[in-house]
Protein backbone atom coordinates (compact mmCIF):
# COMPACT_ATOMS: atom_id res chain seq x y z
CA GLY A 1 100.43 119.54 96.07
CA GLN A 2 99.70 117.77 98.50
CA VAL A 3 103.05 115.09 100.19
CA GLY A 4 102.43 111.96 102.02
CA VAL A 5 103.83 110.91 104.99
CA ASN A 6 103.75 107.52 106.35
CA VAL A 7 103.47 108.36 110.05
CA PRO A 8 103.75 105.49 113.38
CA GLY A 9 99.75 104.89 114.76
CA PHE A 10 97.64 105.77 111.44
CA ALA A 11 97.26 103.54 109.05
CA SER A 12 97.81 105.36 106.17
CA PRO A 13 100.10 108.17 105.19
CA ILE A 14 99.20 111.12 106.50
CA ARG A 15 97.86 114.10 103.53
CA VAL A 16 100.17 117.40 104.31
CA ASP A 17 99.21 120.91 101.73
CA THR A 18 102.57 122.76 101.36
CA ARG A 19 104.81 124.04 98.24
CA GLN A 20 108.02 122.56 99.32
CA ALA A 21 109.67 120.08 97.75
CA VAL A 22 110.32 117.07 99.46
CA ASP A 23 111.97 113.85 98.04
CA LYS A 24 110.66 110.03 98.16
CA GLY A 25 112.01 109.18 100.98
CA LYS A 26 112.86 111.84 103.08
CA PRO A 27 112.63 112.30 106.63
CA VAL A 28 110.54 114.77 107.82
CA THR A 29 107.91 116.23 111.16
CA VAL A 30 104.65 116.99 110.23
CA MET A 31 102.74 120.13 112.81
CA VAL A 32 100.28 121.07 112.83
CA ARG A 33 99.24 123.67 115.43
CA PRO A 34 96.90 122.02 118.36
CA GLU A 35 94.17 124.15 118.42
CA ARG A 36 93.82 122.70 115.21
CA MET A 37 93.11 118.68 116.29
CA VAL A 38 89.57 118.00 116.18
CA TRP A 39 87.98 114.56 117.73
CA ARG A 40 84.90 113.27 116.87
CA THR A 41 82.91 110.44 119.17
CA ALA A 42 82.33 108.53 115.41
CA MET A 43 84.66 108.79 112.19
CA ASP A 44 84.34 110.81 109.73
CA PRO A 45 85.01 111.26 106.42
CA SER A 46 85.21 114.14 105.97
CA LEU A 47 88.95 114.26 107.66
CA ASP A 48 91.48 113.81 105.70
CA ASN A 49 93.87 112.48 107.97
CA ILE A 50 92.29 110.92 111.50
CA THR A 51 92.99 107.75 113.58
CA GLU A 52 90.62 106.12 116.40
CA VAL A 53 92.82 106.99 120.02
CA VAL A 54 92.36 105.92 123.64
CA VAL A 55 91.77 108.81 126.11
CA HIS A 56 94.29 108.15 128.96
CA LYS A 57 93.02 111.15 130.89
CA VAL A 58 90.88 114.64 131.27
CA SER A 59 92.42 117.67 132.69
CA PHE A 60 90.41 120.96 132.99
CA LEU A 61 93.33 123.53 132.91
CA GLY A 62 91.17 127.54 132.73
CA MET A 63 90.75 127.64 129.15
CA TYR A 64 91.51 125.11 127.88
CA THR A 65 91.22 121.29 127.96
CA GLN A 66 94.44 118.63 128.13
CA ILE A 67 93.46 115.17 126.25
CA VAL A 68 96.44 112.67 126.78
CA VAL A 69 95.08 109.74 124.24
CA GLU A 70 96.89 106.76 123.17
CA LEU A 71 97.41 106.17 119.30
CA PRO A 72 97.72 102.59 117.54
CA ASP A 73 101.67 102.08 118.21
CA GLU A 74 100.55 102.73 122.08
CA SER A 75 102.57 106.20 121.70
CA LEU A 76 101.45 108.94 124.10
CA SER A 77 99.89 112.01 121.81
CA ILE A 78 98.76 115.63 124.50
CA LEU A 79 95.47 117.01 122.44
CA HIS A 80 94.78 120.68 124.22
CA TRP A 81 92.02 121.71 123.46
CA ILE A 82 89.53 125.50 122.99
CA GLU A 83 86.20 125.03 124.23
CA LYS A 84 84.00 127.04 122.17
CA GLU A 85 80.48 127.87 122.12
CA GLY A 86 78.66 125.51 120.79
CA GLY A 87 80.96 123.65 119.17
CA ASP A 88 82.15 120.23 120.21
CA HIS A 89 82.72 119.53 124.40
CA VAL A 90 85.42 117.38 126.09
CA SER A 91 83.66 114.81 128.87
CA PRO A 92 86.22 113.08 131.73
CA ASP A 93 83.61 110.18 131.11
CA TRP A 94 85.91 109.35 127.64
CA VAL A 95 89.21 107.95 129.85
CA GLY A 96 89.37 104.17 128.70
CA GLN A 97 86.72 105.29 125.91
CA ARG A 98 88.22 105.07 122.10
CA ILE A 99 88.23 108.20 119.78
CA TYR A 100 88.95 110.03 116.93
CA VAL A 101 91.82 112.64 116.33
CA GLY A 102 92.71 114.42 112.92
CA TRP A 103 92.34 117.19 111.38
CA ASN A 104 92.21 118.27 107.10
CA SER A 105 95.31 118.26 105.00
CA GLN A 106 95.83 122.20 105.05
CA VAL A 107 96.04 123.06 108.31
CA GLY A 108 99.59 120.69 108.74
CA GLN A 109 102.81 122.17 108.36
CA ILE A 110 105.76 119.43 106.73
CA LEU A 111 109.42 120.84 108.34
CA LEU A 112 112.18 119.25 106.10
CA ASP A 113 114.63 116.71 109.03
């Protein structure tokens, strides 16, 4: 099935596919592997979970790029993006710009707290 989890920084509950039984109101941790998260320069309705963020820092670190973003609730999150041939490219010009970060429900995992 699928569960919805309220997470600061997201306007609507995050959707995660899971086989675990989760009691309503029970605290959980939502996990998403960094390489499974995607970013877009415009809203993408094909993503189950998406939020607008502000880019604070872009660092190229060998095989991957680290992107530090501020969520709508003013908390910071760090994304690790592995450049893929023919894929999206990260630009250091994005610092201070708004982009969208998201993922689909099947790539998230639930950890019962």
